[in-house]
């Protein structure tokens, strides 16, 4: 999601925001997790960590921020935004999980700008940024990544093969003093940034990359990609989630 030269945060009318959120705005004081990514495509792994975050962090909702285009991934392997948004809505299957294209609506692209815009639009909402442990390992590559930790509380959810290396991540070391014990994770949404925690959860091995590869193999005889339309011209780029 981090893109150089992003626009400054701006706020929209309640009507525009409500439309982007599927018809209704969050109530004052709600605790909402934010899970960003390309969702190319969305899968049960996204749903799994979202439901875990709802339970462990005592959240009211989790918003899936389907990005217009992830600059860490190649355009050739990226399905159109509407196709990715549709897949996210089909996979969510829970009224507490909202798939949105809010970055497109807000006119932001860098994660930091998106989070600041949401704070500006919803000052009475307690947001938490959600990420997998795989993203913690490489978030230092994102534009102004440290501002993410200084803008919102952050919850890092375990992913296969990453739990043992999380403490060695650059971000974990930079914000070591801001880490709160996992047993107090339910207090994270009400804390001021920087504050973050690591959640050990039941692991789900699904990834969008593996899902696309399986679909591509199953449909290669038809000359189409496993997700989206048109001929398969080159391999898909790795996905964050």
C-alpha atoms as a PDB file:
ATOM      1  CA  UNK A   1       0.000   0.000   0.000  1.00  0.00           C
ATOM      2  CA  UNK A   2       2.787   2.560   0.505  1.00  0.00           C
ATOM      3  CA  UNK A   3       3.143   4.661  -2.665  1.00  0.00           C
ATOM      4  CA  UNK A   4       5.553   7.618  -3.078  1.00  0.00           C
ATOM      5  CA  UNK A   5       3.936  10.980  -3.701  1.00  0.00           C
ATOM      6  CA  UNK A   6       0.658  10.186  -2.010  1.00  0.00           C
ATOM      7  CA  UNK A   7      -1.955  12.879  -1.440  1.00  0.00           C
ATOM      8  CA  UNK A   8      -2.462  14.485   1.976  1.00  0.00           C
ATOM      9  CA  UNK A   9      -5.359  13.122   4.061  1.00  0.00           C
ATOM     10  CA  UNK A  10      -8.763  14.622   3.394  1.00  0.00           C
ATOM     11  CA  UNK A  11     -12.214  14.003   4.803  1.00  0.00           C
ATOM     12  CA  UNK A  12     -15.373  13.383   2.806  1.00  0.00           C
ATOM     13  CA  UNK A  13     -19.040  13.966   3.478  1.00  0.00           C
ATOM     14  CA  UNK A  14     -20.855  11.488   5.735  1.00  0.00           C
ATOM     15  CA  UNK A  15     -22.885  10.371   2.718  1.00  0.00           C
ATOM     16  CA  UNK A  16     -19.767   9.541   0.693  1.00  0.00           C
ATOM     17  CA  UNK A  17     -18.169   7.730   3.613  1.00  0.00           C
ATOM     18  CA  UNK A  18     -21.348   5.810   4.352  1.00  0.00           C
ATOM     19  CA  UNK A  19     -21.550   4.657   0.732  1.00  0.00           C
ATOM     20  CA  UNK A  20     -17.932   3.488   0.805  1.00  0.00           C
ATOM     21  CA  UNK A  21     -18.657   1.558   4.010  1.00  0.00           C
ATOM     22  CA  UNK A  22     -21.690  -0.238   2.656  1.00  0.00           C
ATOM     23  CA  UNK A  23     -24.414   2.073   3.867  1.00  0.00           C
ATOM     24  CA  UNK A  24     -23.734   2.980   7.494  1.00  0.00           C
ATOM     25  CA  UNK A  25     -21.163   4.842   9.558  1.00  0.00           C
ATOM     26  CA  UNK A  26     -19.501   3.594  12.760  1.00  0.00           C
ATOM     27  CA  UNK A  27     -20.957   4.664  16.086  1.00  0.00           C
ATOM     28  CA  UNK A  28     -19.103   6.822  18.584  1.00  0.00           C
ATOM     29  CA  UNK A  29     -16.692   4.811  20.689  1.00  0.00           C
ATOM     30  CA  UNK A  30     -16.619   1.732  18.465  1.00  0.00           C
ATOM     31  CA  UNK A  31     -13.440  -0.355  18.363  1.00  0.00           C
ATOM     32  CA  UNK A  32     -12.515  -1.142  14.777  1.00  0.00           C
ATOM     33  CA  UNK A  33      -9.621  -3.136  13.351  1.00  0.00           C
ATOM     34  CA  UNK A  34      -8.140  -2.169   9.989  1.00  0.00           C
ATOM     35  CA  UNK A  35      -6.685  -4.883   7.763  1.00  0.00           C
ATOM     36  CA  UNK A  36      -5.061  -3.586   4.592  1.00  0.00           C
ATOM     37  CA  UNK A  37      -3.880  -5.458   1.526  1.00  0.00           C
ATOM     38  CA  UNK A  38      -4.431  -6.196  -2.115  1.00  0.00           C
ATOM     39  CA  UNK A  39      -6.762  -9.172  -1.382  1.00  0.00           C
ATOM     40  CA  UNK A  40      -5.702 -10.703  -4.683  1.00  0.00           C
ATOM     41  CA  UNK A  41      -7.824 -12.693  -4.051  1.00  0.00           C
ATOM     42  CA  UNK A  42      -9.363 -12.620  -0.583  1.00  0.00           C
ATOM     43  CA  UNK A  43      -9.395 -16.000   1.173  1.00  0.00           C
ATOM     44  CA  UNK A  44     -10.289 -17.717   4.445  1.00  0.00           C
ATOM     45  CA  UNK A  45      -6.899 -16.795   5.899  1.00  0.00           C
ATOM     46  CA  UNK A  46      -7.989 -13.141   5.884  1.00  0.00           C
ATOM     47  CA  UNK A  47     -11.268 -14.114   7.507  1.00  0.00           C
ATOM     48  CA  UNK A  48      -9.515 -16.266  10.091  1.00  0.00           C
ATOM     49  CA  UNK A  49      -7.174 -13.553  11.384  1.00  0.00           C
ATOM     50  CA  UNK A  50     -10.016 -11.007  11.325  1.00  0.00           C
ATOM     51  CA  UNK A  51     -12.243 -13.191  13.492  1.00  0.00           C
ATOM     52  CA  UNK A  52      -9.324 -13.833  15.843  1.00  0.00           C
ATOM     53  CA  UNK A  53      -8.733 -10.074  16.101  1.00  0.00           C
ATOM     54  CA  UNK A  54     -12.417  -9.467  16.841  1.00  0.00           C
ATOM     55  CA  UNK A  55     -12.300 -11.967  19.682  1.00  0.00           C
ATOM     56  CA  UNK A  56      -8.886 -11.282  21.183  1.00  0.00           C
ATOM     57  CA  UNK A  57      -8.959  -7.472  20.916  1.00  0.00           C
ATOM     58  CA  UNK A  58     -12.675  -7.121  21.782  1.00  0.00           C
ATOM     59  CA  UNK A  59     -13.367  -5.270  18.533  1.00  0.00           C
ATOM     60  CA  UNK A  60     -16.763  -4.326  17.164  1.00  0.00           C
ATOM     61  CA  UNK A  61     -15.763  -4.619  13.496  1.00  0.00           C
ATOM     62  CA  UNK A  62     -12.836  -5.220  11.166  1.00  0.00           C
ATOM     63  CA  UNK A  63     -12.600  -3.226   7.959  1.00  0.00           C
ATOM     64  CA  UNK A  64     -10.762  -4.773   5.017  1.00  0.00           C
ATOM     65  CA  UNK A  65      -9.028  -1.956   3.142  1.00  0.00           C
ATOM     66  CA  UNK A  66      -8.706  -3.318  -0.393  1.00  0.00           C
ATOM     67  CA  UNK A  67      -5.894  -1.279  -1.931  1.00  0.00           C
ATOM     68  CA  UNK A  68      -6.111   0.206  -5.449  1.00  0.00           C
ATOM     69  CA  UNK A  69      -2.638  -1.146  -6.267  1.00  0.00           C
ATOM     70  CA  UNK A  70       0.136  -2.426  -4.041  1.00  0.00           C
ATOM     71  CA  UNK A  71       3.451  -0.953  -5.302  1.00  0.00           C
ATOM     72  CA  UNK A  72       5.356  -3.942  -3.886  1.00  0.00           C
ATOM     73  CA  UNK A  73       3.568  -6.157  -6.408  1.00  0.00           C
ATOM     74  CA  UNK A  74       3.579  -6.315 -10.187  1.00  0.00           C
ATOM     75  CA  UNK A  75       0.660  -4.863 -12.145  1.00  0.00           C
ATOM     76  CA  UNK A  76       0.551  -7.914 -14.441  1.00  0.00           C
ATOM     77  CA  UNK A  77      -0.557 -10.209 -11.633  1.00  0.00           C
ATOM     78  CA  UNK A  78      -3.113  -7.857 -10.109  1.00  0.00           C
ATOM     79  CA  UNK A  79      -6.824  -8.362 -10.702  1.00  0.00           C
ATOM     80  CA  UNK A  80      -8.977  -5.218 -11.114  1.00  0.00           C
ATOM     81  CA  UNK A  81     -10.031  -3.484  -7.909  1.00  0.00           C
ATOM     82  CA  UNK A  82     -13.707  -4.361  -8.361  1.00  0.00           C
ATOM     83  CA  UNK A  83     -12.881  -8.065  -8.767  1.00  0.00           C
ATOM     84  CA  UNK A  84     -10.744  -8.038  -5.620  1.00  0.00           C
ATOM     85  CA  UNK A  85     -13.373  -6.107  -3.679  1.00  0.00           C
ATOM     86  CA  UNK A  86     -16.044  -8.570  -4.794  1.00  0.00           C
ATOM     87  CA  UNK A  87     -13.919 -11.535  -3.688  1.00  0.00           C
ATOM     88  CA  UNK A  88     -13.428  -9.880  -0.278  1.00  0.00           C
ATOM     89  CA  UNK A  89     -17.168  -9.398   0.156  1.00  0.00           C
ATOM     90  CA  UNK A  90     -17.849 -13.017  -0.764  1.00  0.00           C
ATOM     91  CA  UNK A  91     -15.221 -14.374   1.626  1.00  0.00           C
ATOM     92  CA  UNK A  92     -16.036 -12.178   4.654  1.00  0.00           C
ATOM     93  CA  UNK A  93     -19.398 -13.855   5.420  1.00  0.00           C
ATOM     94  CA  UNK A  94     -19.854 -11.932   8.674  1.00  0.00           C
ATOM     95  CA  UNK A  95     -21.601  -8.581   9.221  1.00  0.00           C
ATOM     96  CA  UNK A  96     -18.720  -7.491  11.459  1.00  0.00           C
ATOM     97  CA  UNK A  97     -16.262  -7.789   8.559  1.00  0.00           C
ATOM     98  CA  UNK A  98     -16.582  -4.955   6.060  1.00  0.00           C
ATOM     99  CA  UNK A  99     -14.749  -5.063   2.725  1.00  0.00           C
ATOM    100  CA  UNK A 100     -14.149  -1.541   1.434  1.00  0.00           C
ATOM    101  CA  UNK A 101     -12.238   0.471  -1.152  1.00  0.00           C
ATOM    102  CA  UNK A 102     -11.817   3.351   1.299  1.00  0.00           C
ATOM    103  CA  UNK A 103      -8.371   4.302   0.010  1.00  0.00           C
ATOM    104  CA  UNK A 104      -9.910   5.016  -3.391  1.00  0.00           C
ATOM    105  CA  UNK A 105     -12.693   7.039  -1.775  1.00  0.00           C
ATOM    106  CA  UNK A 106     -10.292   8.971   0.476  1.00  0.00           C
ATOM    107  CA  UNK A 107      -7.792   9.572  -2.312  1.00  0.00           C
ATOM    108  CA  UNK A 108      -4.928   8.085  -0.279  1.00  0.00           C
ATOM    109  CA  UNK A 109      -2.403   5.395  -1.127  1.00  0.00           C
ATOM    110  CA  UNK A 110       0.279   5.405   1.551  1.00  0.00           C
ATOM    111  CA  UNK A 111      -0.879   3.523   4.646  1.00  0.00           C
ATOM    112  CA  UNK A 112       0.101   6.381   6.959  1.00  0.00           C
ATOM    113  CA  UNK A 113      -2.043   8.837   4.981  1.00  0.00           C
ATOM    114  CA  UNK A 114      -4.986   6.432   5.018  1.00  0.00           C
ATOM    115  CA  UNK A 115      -4.829   6.015   8.790  1.00  0.00           C
ATOM    116  CA  UNK A 116      -4.588   9.765   9.399  1.00  0.00           C
ATOM    117  CA  UNK A 117      -7.517  10.392   7.065  1.00  0.00           C
ATOM    118  CA  UNK A 118      -9.646   7.850   8.925  1.00  0.00           C
ATOM    119  CA  UNK A 119      -8.761   9.459  12.255  1.00  0.00           C
ATOM    120  CA  UNK A 120      -9.768  12.825  10.842  1.00  0.00           C
ATOM    121  CA  UNK A 121     -13.072  11.507   9.490  1.00  0.00           C
ATOM    122  CA  UNK A 122     -13.915   9.401  12.556  1.00  0.00           C
ATOM    123  CA  UNK A 123     -12.288  11.084  15.584  1.00  0.00           C
ATOM    124  CA  UNK A 124     -14.542   9.233  18.059  1.00  0.00           C
ATOM    125  CA  UNK A 125     -13.657   5.740  16.767  1.00  0.00           C
ATOM    126  CA  UNK A 126     -10.905   3.632  18.343  1.00  0.00           C
ATOM    127  CA  UNK A 127      -8.952   2.144  15.437  1.00  0.00           C
ATOM    128  CA  UNK A 128      -6.341  -0.616  15.571  1.00  0.00           C
ATOM    129  CA  UNK A 129      -4.059  -1.466  12.656  1.00  0.00           C
ATOM    130  CA  UNK A 130      -3.917  -5.215  12.047  1.00  0.00           C
ATOM    131  CA  UNK A 131      -1.099  -7.028  10.285  1.00  0.00           C
ATOM    132  CA  UNK A 132       0.288 -10.510   9.907  1.00  0.00           C
ATOM    133  CA  UNK A 133       3.691 -11.360  11.337  1.00  0.00           C
ATOM    134  CA  UNK A 134       4.982 -11.676   7.769  1.00  0.00           C
ATOM    135  CA  UNK A 135       4.257  -7.989   7.224  1.00  0.00           C
ATOM    136  CA  UNK A 136       6.000  -7.007  10.446  1.00  0.00           C
ATOM    137  CA  UNK A 137       9.154  -8.570   9.031  1.00  0.00           C
ATOM    138  CA  UNK A 138       9.137  -6.235   6.026  1.00  0.00           C
ATOM    139  CA  UNK A 139       7.145  -3.163   7.072  1.00  0.00           C
ATOM    140  CA  UNK A 140      10.370  -1.132   7.312  1.00  0.00           C
ATOM    141  CA  UNK A 141      10.267  -1.068   3.491  1.00  0.00           C
ATOM    142  CA  UNK A 142       7.011   0.895   3.545  1.00  0.00           C
ATOM    143  CA  UNK A 143       6.876   4.641   3.102  1.00  0.00           C
ATOM    144  CA  UNK A 144       7.124   6.416   6.492  1.00  0.00           C
ATOM    145  CA  UNK A 145       6.515   3.073   8.186  1.00  0.00           C
ATOM    146  CA  UNK A 146       7.334   4.262  11.715  1.00  0.00           C
ATOM    147  CA  UNK A 147       4.456   6.761  11.530  1.00  0.00           C
ATOM    148  CA  UNK A 148       2.038   3.844  11.342  1.00  0.00           C
ATOM    149  CA  UNK A 149       3.101   2.800  14.846  1.00  0.00           C
ATOM    150  CA  UNK A 150       2.920   6.402  16.016  1.00  0.00           C
ATOM    151  CA  UNK A 151      -0.559   6.944  14.554  1.00  0.00           C
ATOM    152  CA  UNK A 152      -2.540   3.908  15.760  1.00  0.00           C
ATOM    153  CA  UNK A 153      -2.147   0.949  18.120  1.00  0.00           C
ATOM    154  CA  UNK A 154      -0.958  -2.103  16.165  1.00  0.00           C
ATOM    155  CA  UNK A 155      -1.825  -5.774  16.566  1.00  0.00           C
ATOM    156  CA  UNK A 156       0.478  -8.301  14.913  1.00  0.00           C
ATOM    157  CA  UNK A 157      -1.108 -11.717  14.347  1.00  0.00           C
ATOM    158  CA  UNK A 158       0.950 -14.860  14.050  1.00  0.00           C
ATOM    159  CA  UNK A 159       1.538 -16.424  10.628  1.00  0.00           C
ATOM    160  CA  UNK A 160       3.108 -19.793   9.788  1.00  0.00           C
ATOM    161  CA  UNK A 161       6.922 -19.832  10.279  1.00  0.00           C
ATOM    162  CA  UNK A 162       7.115 -16.221  11.545  1.00  0.00           C
ATOM    163  CA  UNK A 163       6.401 -16.389  15.291  1.00  0.00           C
ATOM    164  CA  UNK A 164       9.992 -17.142  16.289  1.00  0.00           C
ATOM    165  CA  UNK A 165      11.491 -14.309  14.241  1.00  0.00           C
ATOM    166  CA  UNK A 166       9.047 -11.532  15.181  1.00  0.00           C
ATOM    167  CA  UNK A 167      11.281 -10.086  17.918  1.00  0.00           C
ATOM    168  CA  UNK A 168      14.117  -9.650  15.424  1.00  0.00           C
ATOM    169  CA  UNK A 169      12.102  -7.522  13.015  1.00  0.00           C
ATOM    170  CA  UNK A 170      13.338  -3.954  12.662  1.00  0.00           C
ATOM    171  CA  UNK A 171       9.941  -2.555  13.648  1.00  0.00           C
ATOM    172  CA  UNK A 172       9.731  -4.776  16.739  1.00  0.00           C
ATOM    173  CA  UNK A 173      13.144  -3.592  17.881  1.00  0.00           C
ATOM    174  CA  UNK A 174      12.419   0.081  17.179  1.00  0.00           C
ATOM    175  CA  UNK A 175       9.203  -0.027  19.225  1.00  0.00           C
ATOM    176  CA  UNK A 176      10.202  -2.647  21.797  1.00  0.00           C
ATOM    177  CA  UNK A 177       9.249  -0.409  24.737  1.00  0.00           C
ATOM    178  CA  UNK A 178       5.753   0.118  23.301  1.00  0.00           C
ATOM    179  CA  UNK A 179       4.912  -3.587  23.218  1.00  0.00           C
ATOM    180  CA  UNK A 180       2.178  -4.643  25.634  1.00  0.00           C
ATOM    181  CA  UNK A 181       1.787  -8.194  26.990  1.00  0.00           C
ATOM    182  CA  UNK A 182      -0.456 -10.490  25.003  1.00  0.00           C
ATOM    183  CA  UNK A 183      -2.586 -11.114  28.085  1.00  0.00           C
ATOM    184  CA  UNK A 184      -3.599  -7.434  27.981  1.00  0.00           C
ATOM    185  CA  UNK A 185      -4.409  -7.384  24.265  1.00  0.00           C
ATOM    186  CA  UNK A 186      -8.054  -6.524  24.955  1.00  0.00           C
ATOM    187  CA  UNK A 187      -6.915  -3.081  26.174  1.00  0.00           C
ATOM    188  CA  UNK A 188      -5.071  -2.227  22.944  1.00  0.00           C
ATOM    189  CA  UNK A 189      -7.905  -0.382  21.175  1.00  0.00           C
ATOM    190  CA  UNK A 190      -8.209   2.123  24.007  1.00  0.00           C
ATOM    191  CA  UNK A 191      -4.490   2.935  24.157  1.00  0.00           C
ATOM    192  CA  UNK A 192      -2.594   5.837  22.658  1.00  0.00           C
ATOM    193  CA  UNK A 193       0.033   5.132  20.031  1.00  0.00           C
ATOM    194  CA  UNK A 194       2.658   3.860  20.006  1.00  0.00           C
ATOM    195  CA  UNK A 195       1.372   0.604  21.461  1.00  0.00           C
ATOM    196  CA  UNK A 196       1.462  -2.844  19.904  1.00  0.00           C
ATOM    197  CA  UNK A 197       1.076  -6.485  20.766  1.00  0.00           C
ATOM    198  CA  UNK A 198       1.762  -9.867  19.212  1.00  0.00           C
ATOM    199  CA  UNK A 199      -1.046 -12.419  19.184  1.00  0.00           C
ATOM    200  CA  UNK A 200      -0.373 -16.145  19.055  1.00  0.00           C
ATOM    201  CA  UNK A 201      -3.341 -17.616  17.217  1.00  0.00           C
ATOM    202  CA  UNK A 202      -4.324 -20.889  15.631  1.00  0.00           C
ATOM    203  CA  UNK A 203      -2.440 -20.794  12.351  1.00  0.00           C
ATOM    204  CA  UNK A 204      -4.071 -20.907   8.942  1.00  0.00           C
ATOM    205  CA  UNK A 205      -1.680 -21.824   6.107  1.00  0.00           C
ATOM    206  CA  UNK A 206      -3.718 -20.186   3.325  1.00  0.00           C
ATOM    207  CA  UNK A 207      -2.137 -17.385   1.309  1.00  0.00           C
ATOM    208  CA  UNK A 208      -3.387 -15.520  -1.748  1.00  0.00           C
ATOM    209  CA  UNK A 209      -0.270 -16.552  -3.646  1.00  0.00           C
ATOM    210  CA  UNK A 210      -0.917 -20.264  -3.108  1.00  0.00           C
ATOM    211  CA  UNK A 211      -4.602 -19.844  -3.929  1.00  0.00           C
ATOM    212  CA  UNK A 212      -3.825 -18.104  -7.223  1.00  0.00           C
ATOM    213  CA  UNK A 213      -1.293 -20.780  -8.133  1.00  0.00           C
ATOM    214  CA  UNK A 214      -3.818 -23.565  -7.530  1.00  0.00           C
ATOM    215  CA  UNK A 215      -6.456 -21.772  -9.592  1.00  0.00           C
ATOM    216  CA  UNK A 216      -3.969 -21.075 -12.368  1.00  0.00           C
ATOM    217  CA  UNK A 217      -2.900 -24.720 -12.519  1.00  0.00           C
ATOM    218  CA  UNK A 218      -6.522 -25.843 -12.636  1.00  0.00           C
ATOM    219  CA  UNK A 219      -7.382 -23.487 -15.485  1.00  0.00           C
ATOM    220  CA  UNK A 220      -4.138 -23.320 -17.454  1.00  0.00           C
ATOM    221  CA  UNK A 221      -5.654 -25.442 -20.203  1.00  0.00           C
ATOM    222  CA  UNK A 222      -8.173 -22.676 -20.884  1.00  0.00           C
ATOM    223  CA  UNK A 223      -5.432 -20.065 -21.216  1.00  0.00           C
ATOM    224  CA  UNK A 224      -6.739 -17.865 -18.421  1.00  0.00           C
ATOM    225  CA  UNK A 225      -5.349 -16.743 -15.114  1.00  0.00           C
ATOM    226  CA  UNK A 226      -6.682 -18.192 -11.884  1.00  0.00           C
ATOM    227  CA  UNK A 227      -8.107 -14.823 -10.852  1.00  0.00           C
ATOM    228  CA  UNK A 228      -9.366 -12.110 -13.164  1.00  0.00           C
ATOM    229  CA  UNK A 229      -9.820 -12.164 -16.926  1.00  0.00           C
ATOM    230  CA  UNK A 230      -7.538 -12.605 -19.891  1.00  0.00           C
ATOM    231  CA  UNK A 231      -4.560 -14.743 -20.842  1.00  0.00           C
ATOM    232  CA  UNK A 232      -1.930 -15.690 -18.299  1.00  0.00           C
ATOM    233  CA  UNK A 233       1.097 -13.676 -19.412  1.00  0.00           C
ATOM    234  CA  UNK A 234       3.437 -14.095 -16.446  1.00  0.00           C
ATOM    235  CA  UNK A 235       3.637 -15.385 -12.912  1.00  0.00           C
ATOM    236  CA  UNK A 236       1.780 -13.560 -10.157  1.00  0.00           C
ATOM    237  CA  UNK A 237       3.793 -11.429  -7.768  1.00  0.00           C
ATOM    238  CA  UNK A 238       3.866 -12.498  -4.099  1.00  0.00           C
ATOM    239  CA  UNK A 239       1.016 -11.272  -1.932  1.00  0.00           C
ATOM    240  CA  UNK A 240       1.287  -9.861   1.576  1.00  0.00           C
ATOM    241  CA  UNK A 241      -1.756 -11.718   2.848  1.00  0.00           C
END
